[in-house]
Amino acid sequence: MAIARVVADARSMRRPHARGRPHARARASWRMSDDDVRDDAPRADARATSTSERTGRTGWEGRRAREVAEDARRRGTATRYDRRAIRRERGDGPTIAEGLIGEMVYGTNPVLEALRQNRRTLFALYVQTGEGGGGHGTSEILRLAKELKVEVKSASKHDLNMACDNKPHQGVLLDAEALEIPTVEELPRWNGVGSPPVWLALDEVVDPQNLGAMLRSAHFLGVDGIVVCTKNSAPFNATVSKASAGAMEAQVVHRTGVMHRFLARARDDGWDVVGAAADPRAENIHAFEVAAPTVLVVGNEGVGIRTNVRRACNRLVSIPRGVSATDGVDSLNVSVAAGILIHALLASRTV
C-alpha cells in the first residue's frame, strides 16, 4: 500500500511539470485550413498530430509529423497573399492585373478619352464578353482601338471586377502607359488680346475623388490650365481618371515643385493670385471681376491653402453662406467649392 501511494504521489507531482512544458498538444493547438498549406508542401492534419491516440504515431514519428505540419503552416502563411504563386502552382494563367504592361484605365468615358486624345502609349484593350458586355460606347471604343491598332482581348465580368477591385468598369479596361504630367515653373505671359486667362492651382489635394471631380469641373467650364504640387498630391491614376469622367485624359495638367514660389513668380509677372479661403478679409466671389490674368488657388480637404501659399496670394475670395445654413454645416466639399469659384471667375471675365 505504501509503495502504491508513493507511485501515485510521484505521478501527481509530474503532471503540473508536464503541463508547463511545451507539450505536443500546445504546439499543435492551432488549426490549419486547406488554404494555409501550399499544394507543393507535405500535408499533415493538425488535428491528427495533437495526440498519439488520433495519429497512431508515437515517439519520433509524432515529432516528425508535427515538424512537417508546422513547416507547412509557416510556408502557407508566407505565401497566403502571394496569389500569383498559388495560381502558377495550379497551372492557372495570370490575371488581367498581373498581365498589365502599364497601368489600367477603366470606365467608358475614361477609356474613350484616352483613345481619342492618344496621349499615352496603348498596350491592350480588355472588353467584357457575355451578359452585361457591349454597353453604351463600346462600339466607338472598338472602332478607335482598331484605328489605333490596339490589341483587343476578351475578358469575363469576374476578371474585370478583380482587376478593378470591384469598381464600376462598365465592361472596358485599357492597359496604357502612365499619363505624363509636365513640369511648369512659370505661367505664360498674356498679350492682352481676348479674355484674360484663368488657371487653377491645387495645393496638396490628396483625395483622388476630389481631384478627379475638380478636373472634371475645370475642363467642362473651360479653365486655361491646371497646376498641382509635385509632392503631397493624389497620384494621377485610374481612380482620378474615372472620377474625372475622362477629363484627366483631355485636360493637360502641369505640376510644380514649390507651389508658393511658383505663385509668387506669377504674381510678380502681373497675375492675380486669388486664394480660396474662409477669411473675413476675403472678397465675395459673386462681386469679383477678372480683369487680369488670374490663377485660382484651392487648398486641400483638411486645412485649405497653406500659410506660405496664402502669403503668395494678393487677393482672397470666399463663397457666401445661404441664410438658412446651420452652424453645424459651415463649409462645402472642396470639389464643389472649386466648381462654384471657377464658374464665377470665368463668368466675370472682361473681354
Protein backbone atom coordinates (compact mmCIF):
# COMPACT_ATOMS: atom_id res chain seq x y z
CA MET A 1 0.00 0.00 0.00
CA ALA A 2 2.81 2.37 0.84
CA ILE A 3 4.52 1.67 -2.47
CA ALA A 4 1.29 2.38 -4.40
CA ARG A 5 0.88 5.67 -2.53
CA VAL A 6 4.44 6.73 -3.38
CA VAL A 7 3.90 5.95 -7.08
CA ALA A 8 0.64 7.89 -7.11
CA ASP A 9 2.32 10.86 -5.41
CA ALA A 10 5.13 10.80 -7.95
CA ARG A 11 2.66 10.82 -10.84
CA SER A 12 0.74 13.72 -9.35
CA MET A 13 3.99 15.67 -8.96
CA ARG A 14 4.88 15.13 -12.63
CA ARG A 15 1.59 16.35 -14.06
CA PRO A 16 1.95 20.11 -13.37
CA HIS A 17 5.52 19.99 -14.62
CA ALA A 18 4.43 18.19 -17.78
CA ARG A 19 1.69 20.71 -18.41
CA GLY A 20 4.24 23.51 -18.02
CA ARG A 21 6.47 22.09 -20.72
CA PRO A 22 5.95 22.84 -24.46
CA HIS A 23 3.64 19.83 -24.82
CA ALA A 24 2.76 18.37 -28.19
CA ARG A 25 -0.85 19.37 -27.62
CA ALA A 26 0.16 23.01 -27.02
CA ARG A 27 2.39 23.05 -30.07
CA ALA A 28 -0.38 21.65 -32.24
CA SER A 29 -3.18 23.77 -30.78
CA TRP A 30 -3.51 25.84 -33.96
CA ARG A 31 -5.69 24.55 -36.76
CA MET A 32 -4.80 24.60 -40.43
CA SER A 33 -7.20 25.19 -43.27
CA ASP A 34 -6.63 23.93 -46.80
CA ASP A 35 -5.68 27.48 -47.80
CA ASP A 36 -2.86 27.50 -45.24
CA VAL A 37 -0.96 24.69 -46.98
CA ARG A 38 0.57 25.14 -50.39
CA ASP A 39 -0.02 22.41 -52.92
CA ASP A 40 3.65 21.50 -53.06
CA ALA A 41 4.01 21.27 -49.25
CA PRO A 42 3.75 17.91 -47.46
CA ARG A 43 0.29 17.81 -45.92
CA ALA A 44 -0.35 16.84 -42.33
CA ASP A 45 -3.62 17.10 -40.44
CA ALA A 46 -3.05 19.39 -37.45
CA ARG A 47 -5.78 17.64 -35.51
CA ALA A 48 -4.17 14.29 -36.26
CA THR A 49 -0.87 15.46 -34.78
CA SER A 50 -2.36 16.59 -31.50
CA THR A 51 -2.38 13.21 -29.73
CA SER A 52 -0.92 9.80 -30.28
CA GLU A 53 -4.40 8.32 -29.94
CA ARG A 54 -5.57 10.15 -33.07
CA THR A 55 -2.45 9.67 -35.15
CA GLY A 56 -1.37 6.24 -34.11
CA ARG A 57 2.18 7.67 -34.09
CA THR A 58 4.50 7.72 -31.13
CA GLY A 59 7.98 8.96 -30.45
CA TRP A 60 9.98 10.37 -33.35
CA GLU A 61 7.15 9.73 -35.86
CA GLY A 62 4.83 12.07 -33.98
CA ARG A 63 7.52 14.72 -33.64
CA ARG A 64 8.32 14.48 -37.35
CA ALA A 65 4.64 14.84 -38.26
CA ARG A 66 4.37 17.95 -36.11
CA GLU A 67 7.50 19.43 -37.68
CA VAL A 68 6.13 18.82 -41.17
CA ALA A 69 2.79 20.39 -40.23
CA GLU A 70 4.48 23.40 -38.63
CA ASP A 71 6.68 23.89 -41.69
CA ALA A 72 3.65 23.67 -43.97
CA ARG A 73 1.81 26.22 -41.85
CA ARG A 74 4.73 28.64 -41.95
CA ARG A 75 5.11 28.25 -45.68
CA GLY A 76 1.38 28.61 -46.18
CA THR A 77 1.30 31.80 -44.16
CA ALA A 78 4.25 33.20 -46.09
CA THR A 79 2.53 32.66 -49.41
CA ARG A 80 -1.09 33.25 -48.43
CA TYR A 81 -1.20 36.61 -50.13
CA ASP A 82 1.10 35.65 -52.98
CA ARG A 83 -1.83 34.77 -55.21
CA ARG A 84 0.32 34.75 -58.30
CA ALA A 85 2.48 31.93 -56.94
CA ILE A 86 -0.56 29.90 -55.91
CA ARG A 87 -2.18 30.22 -59.32
CA ARG A 88 1.10 29.37 -61.00
CA GLU A 89 1.33 26.17 -58.96
CA ARG A 90 -2.21 25.27 -60.02
CA GLY A 91 -1.32 25.92 -63.64
CA ASP A 92 -3.62 28.94 -63.99
CA GLY A 93 -2.68 31.85 -66.24
CA PRO A 94 -2.03 35.39 -64.95
CA THR A 95 -4.93 37.68 -64.10
CA ILE A 96 -5.56 40.91 -66.00
CA ALA A 97 -3.86 42.95 -63.28
CA GLU A 98 -0.80 40.68 -63.34
CA GLY A 99 -0.60 40.87 -67.13
CA LEU A 100 -0.67 44.66 -67.33
CA ILE A 101 2.30 46.29 -69.02
CA GLY A 102 1.39 49.83 -67.95
CA GLU A 103 -1.45 50.99 -65.73
CA MET A 104 -5.18 50.50 -66.09
CA VAL A 105 -7.80 52.96 -67.30
CA TYR A 106 -11.36 51.73 -66.83
CA GLY A 107 -14.85 53.02 -67.49
CA THR A 108 -16.47 54.09 -70.74
CA ASN A 109 -15.63 57.81 -70.68
CA PRO A 110 -12.03 57.49 -69.42
CA VAL A 111 -11.24 54.78 -71.99
CA LEU A 112 -12.94 56.73 -74.78
CA GLU A 113 -10.99 59.90 -73.97
CA ALA A 114 -7.71 58.01 -73.61
CA LEU A 115 -8.21 56.61 -77.11
CA ARG A 116 -9.41 59.91 -78.58
CA GLN A 117 -6.59 62.01 -77.12
CA ASN A 118 -3.95 59.32 -77.74
CA ARG A 119 -1.56 60.92 -75.23
CA ARG A 120 -0.46 57.57 -73.84
CA THR A 121 1.23 54.52 -75.29
CA LEU A 122 -1.60 51.97 -75.54
CA PHE A 123 -0.87 48.29 -74.99
CA ALA A 124 -4.18 46.39 -74.91
CA LEU A 125 -7.93 46.81 -74.54
CA TYR A 126 -9.98 44.36 -72.47
CA VAL A 127 -13.68 44.14 -73.33
CA GLN A 128 -16.26 42.25 -71.33
CA THR A 129 -17.97 39.32 -73.03
CA GLY A 130 -21.20 37.59 -72.12
CA GLU A 131 -24.10 39.08 -70.19
CA GLY A 132 -23.63 42.79 -69.47
CA GLY A 133 -20.95 43.29 -72.10
CA GLY A 134 -21.13 45.58 -75.10
CA GLY A 135 -22.59 48.55 -73.25
CA HIS A 136 -23.01 52.16 -74.36
CA GLY A 137 -19.92 53.47 -76.09
CA THR A 138 -18.31 50.08 -76.63
CA SER A 139 -18.70 50.20 -80.41
CA GLU A 140 -16.91 53.56 -80.58
CA ILE A 141 -14.19 52.25 -78.27
CA LEU A 142 -13.67 49.23 -80.51
CA ARG A 143 -13.59 51.43 -83.61
CA LEU A 144 -10.92 53.69 -82.11
CA ALA A 145 -8.91 50.71 -80.89
CA LYS A 146 -8.92 49.24 -84.38
CA GLU A 147 -7.92 52.60 -85.86
CA LEU A 148 -5.02 52.91 -83.40
CA LYS A 149 -4.08 49.22 -83.83
CA VAL A 150 -4.58 48.42 -80.16
CA GLU A 151 -4.85 44.72 -79.36
CA VAL A 152 -8.35 43.80 -78.16
CA LYS A 153 -8.78 40.97 -75.65
CA SER A 154 -11.95 39.37 -74.33
CA ALA A 155 -12.48 39.24 -70.57
CA SER A 156 -15.17 37.99 -68.23
CA LYS A 157 -17.00 40.29 -65.87
CA HIS A 158 -15.39 38.47 -62.95
CA ASP A 159 -11.87 39.07 -64.26
CA LEU A 160 -12.60 42.76 -64.84
CA ASN A 161 -14.13 43.05 -61.38
CA MET A 162 -11.00 41.54 -59.85
CA ALA A 163 -8.70 43.82 -61.85
CA CYS A 164 -10.67 46.95 -60.91
CA ASP A 165 -11.21 45.91 -57.28
CA ASN A 166 -14.97 45.76 -57.94
CA LYS A 167 -15.14 49.39 -59.04
CA PRO A 168 -17.56 50.21 -61.89
CA HIS A 169 -15.63 49.47 -65.09
CA GLN A 170 -18.64 49.36 -67.46
CA GLY A 171 -17.12 46.42 -69.29
CA VAL A 172 -13.93 48.05 -70.62
CA LEU A 173 -10.37 48.32 -69.34
CA LEU A 174 -7.38 49.81 -71.14
CA ASP A 175 -3.77 48.85 -70.46
CA ALA A 176 -1.79 52.03 -71.11
CA GLU A 177 1.37 53.86 -70.21
CA ALA A 178 1.12 56.28 -67.27
CA LEU A 179 0.00 59.76 -68.25
CA GLU A 180 2.84 62.26 -68.39
CA ILE A 181 2.39 65.31 -66.15
CA PRO A 182 4.76 68.02 -67.46
CA THR A 183 6.55 70.39 -65.12
CA VAL A 184 5.94 74.13 -65.32
CA GLU A 185 7.91 76.80 -63.48
CA GLU A 186 6.09 79.93 -64.61
CA LEU A 187 2.79 80.89 -66.20
CA PRO A 188 2.70 82.22 -69.76
CA ARG A 189 2.57 85.97 -70.26
CA TRP A 190 -0.71 87.40 -71.52
CA ASN A 191 -0.50 89.52 -74.66
CA GLY A 192 -3.64 91.48 -73.78
CA VAL A 193 -5.69 90.05 -76.63
CA GLY A 194 -9.07 88.50 -75.80
CA SER A 195 -10.23 87.48 -72.33
CA PRO A 196 -7.59 87.19 -69.62
CA PRO A 197 -6.66 83.56 -68.93
CA VAL A 198 -7.80 81.78 -65.77
CA TRP A 199 -5.77 78.93 -64.31
CA LEU A 200 -6.48 76.60 -61.39
CA ALA A 201 -3.76 75.78 -58.83
CA LEU A 202 -4.40 72.84 -56.49
CA ASP A 203 -2.37 72.96 -53.30
CA GLU A 204 -1.83 69.45 -51.91
CA VAL A 205 -5.20 67.95 -52.82
CA VAL A 206 -4.73 64.34 -51.71
CA ASP A 207 -8.16 62.78 -52.20
CA PRO A 208 -8.36 61.17 -55.67
CA GLN A 209 -12.14 61.53 -55.87
CA ASN A 210 -11.93 65.26 -55.15
CA LEU A 211 -9.05 65.71 -57.57
CA GLY A 212 -10.97 63.92 -60.31
CA ALA A 213 -14.12 65.95 -59.67
CA MET A 214 -12.18 69.23 -59.83
CA LEU A 215 -10.50 68.23 -63.09
CA ARG A 216 -13.93 67.42 -64.50
CA SER A 217 -15.42 70.79 -63.47
CA ALA A 218 -12.38 72.75 -64.62
CA HIS A 219 -12.35 71.08 -68.02
CA PHE A 220 -16.10 71.42 -68.53
CA LEU A 221 -16.17 75.10 -67.51
CA GLY A 222 -13.12 75.96 -69.62
CA VAL A 223 -10.13 76.89 -67.47
CA ASP A 224 -6.98 77.63 -69.44
CA GLY A 225 -4.67 75.47 -67.36
CA ILE A 226 -4.23 73.46 -64.17
CA VAL A 227 -1.17 73.12 -61.96
CA VAL A 228 -0.68 70.80 -58.98
CA CYS A 229 2.06 70.17 -56.42
CA THR A 230 4.65 67.58 -57.36
CA LYS A 231 4.59 66.19 -53.81
CA ASN A 232 1.71 65.55 -51.41
CA SER A 233 -0.91 65.35 -54.13
CA ALA A 234 -3.11 62.47 -55.22
CA PRO A 235 -1.44 60.44 -57.99
CA PHE A 236 -2.92 60.69 -61.47
CA ASN A 237 -4.15 57.13 -61.68
CA ALA A 238 -7.20 55.15 -62.77
CA THR A 239 -9.26 56.34 -59.79
CA VAL A 240 -8.71 60.00 -60.67
CA SER A 241 -9.38 59.36 -64.35
CA LYS A 242 -12.64 57.58 -63.52
CA ALA A 243 -13.73 60.33 -61.08
CA SER A 244 -12.96 62.95 -63.74
CA ALA A 245 -15.16 61.10 -66.30
CA GLY A 246 -12.22 61.21 -68.71
CA ALA A 247 -11.32 64.88 -68.20
CA MET A 248 -7.89 63.84 -66.92
CA GLU A 249 -7.19 62.37 -70.36
CA ALA A 250 -8.27 65.53 -72.21
CA GLN A 251 -7.09 68.34 -69.89
CA VAL A 252 -3.35 68.95 -69.81
CA VAL A 253 -2.29 69.25 -66.16
CA HIS A 254 1.07 70.66 -65.06
CA ARG A 255 3.00 70.25 -61.85
CA THR A 256 5.37 72.45 -59.91
CA GLY A 257 7.90 71.58 -57.24
CA VAL A 258 7.35 74.54 -54.89
CA MET A 259 3.85 75.96 -55.15
CA HIS A 260 4.38 79.20 -53.20
CA ARG A 261 7.40 80.16 -55.32
CA PHE A 262 5.50 79.38 -58.50
CA LEU A 263 2.60 81.60 -57.39
CA ALA A 264 4.88 84.41 -56.20
CA ARG A 265 6.56 84.46 -59.61
CA ALA A 266 3.15 84.60 -61.31
CA ARG A 267 2.11 87.50 -59.06
CA ASP A 268 5.31 89.38 -59.87
CA ASP A 269 4.57 88.82 -63.58
CA GLY A 270 1.22 90.59 -63.30
CA TRP A 271 -1.12 87.72 -62.49
CA ASP A 272 -3.82 87.99 -59.85
CA VAL A 273 -3.18 85.12 -57.45
CA VAL A 274 -6.56 84.52 -55.83
CA GLY A 275 -6.75 82.19 -52.84
CA ALA A 276 -9.97 80.48 -51.78
CA ALA A 277 -10.28 80.97 -48.03
CA ALA A 278 -12.92 81.34 -45.33
CA ASP A 279 -11.41 84.61 -44.16
CA PRO A 280 -13.13 87.83 -43.02
CA ARG A 281 -10.92 89.76 -45.46
CA ALA A 282 -11.95 87.60 -48.42
CA GLU A 283 -13.99 89.17 -51.20
CA ASN A 284 -17.39 87.80 -52.13
CA ILE A 285 -16.80 85.70 -55.23
CA HIS A 286 -20.02 86.99 -56.80
CA ALA A 287 -18.67 90.56 -56.67
CA PHE A 288 -15.27 89.63 -58.07
CA GLU A 289 -14.27 90.70 -61.59
CA VAL A 290 -11.46 89.15 -63.60
CA ALA A 291 -9.66 91.98 -65.40
CA ALA A 292 -6.15 90.48 -65.45
CA PRO A 293 -4.67 87.00 -65.85
CA THR A 294 -5.85 85.08 -62.80
CA VAL A 295 -4.86 81.88 -61.04
CA LEU A 296 -7.34 80.49 -58.52
CA VAL A 297 -5.67 78.65 -55.64
CA VAL A 298 -7.61 75.90 -53.87
CA GLY A 299 -6.20 74.09 -50.85
CA ASN A 300 -6.69 70.57 -49.62
CA GLU A 301 -9.64 68.99 -47.88
CA GLY A 302 -8.45 69.43 -44.32
CA VAL A 303 -6.52 72.68 -43.83
CA GLY A 304 -7.15 74.63 -47.02
CA ILE A 305 -4.29 76.56 -48.55
CA ARG A 306 -1.06 76.52 -46.57
CA THR A 307 0.32 79.61 -44.84
CA ASN A 308 3.21 80.21 -47.25
CA VAL A 309 0.89 79.68 -50.22
CA ARG A 310 -1.59 82.18 -48.78
CA ARG A 311 1.21 84.73 -48.46
CA ALA A 312 1.82 84.41 -52.21
CA CYS A 313 -1.81 85.39 -52.91
CA ASN A 314 -2.59 89.06 -53.47
CA ARG A 315 -6.36 88.52 -53.15
CA LEU A 316 -8.69 86.16 -51.29
CA VAL A 317 -12.21 85.08 -52.22
CA SER A 318 -14.95 83.12 -50.48
CA ILE A 319 -18.42 81.77 -51.18
CA PRO A 320 -21.13 83.35 -49.00
CA ARG A 321 -23.29 81.03 -46.95
CA GLY A 322 -27.02 80.79 -47.51
CA VAL A 323 -29.25 82.43 -44.91
CA SER A 324 -30.76 79.07 -43.97
CA ALA A 325 -27.42 77.29 -43.44
CA THR A 326 -26.96 75.90 -39.92
CA ASP A 327 -23.85 76.40 -37.83
CA GLY A 328 -23.05 72.69 -37.98
CA VAL A 329 -22.69 72.79 -41.78
CA ASP A 330 -20.16 75.57 -42.24
CA SER A 331 -18.30 74.56 -45.39
CA LEU A 332 -18.53 72.95 -48.81
CA ASN A 333 -16.76 69.95 -50.21
CA VAL A 334 -13.57 71.22 -51.83
CA SER A 335 -14.52 69.98 -55.29
CA VAL A 336 -17.96 71.62 -55.06
CA ALA A 337 -16.41 74.89 -53.87
CA ALA A 338 -13.88 74.78 -56.71
CA GLY A 339 -16.65 74.36 -59.27
CA ILE A 340 -18.57 77.37 -57.94
CA LEU A 341 -15.46 79.55 -57.81
CA ILE A 342 -14.32 78.60 -61.31
CA HIS A 343 -17.75 79.29 -62.78
CA ALA A 344 -17.96 82.70 -61.08
CA LEU A 345 -14.47 83.74 -62.20
CA LEU A 346 -14.97 82.69 -65.81
CA ALA A 347 -18.37 84.39 -65.95
CA SER A 348 -16.88 87.66 -64.67
CA ARG A 349 -14.08 87.92 -67.25
CA THR A 350 -13.98 91.16 -69.19
CA VAL A 351 -13.18 90.94 -72.89
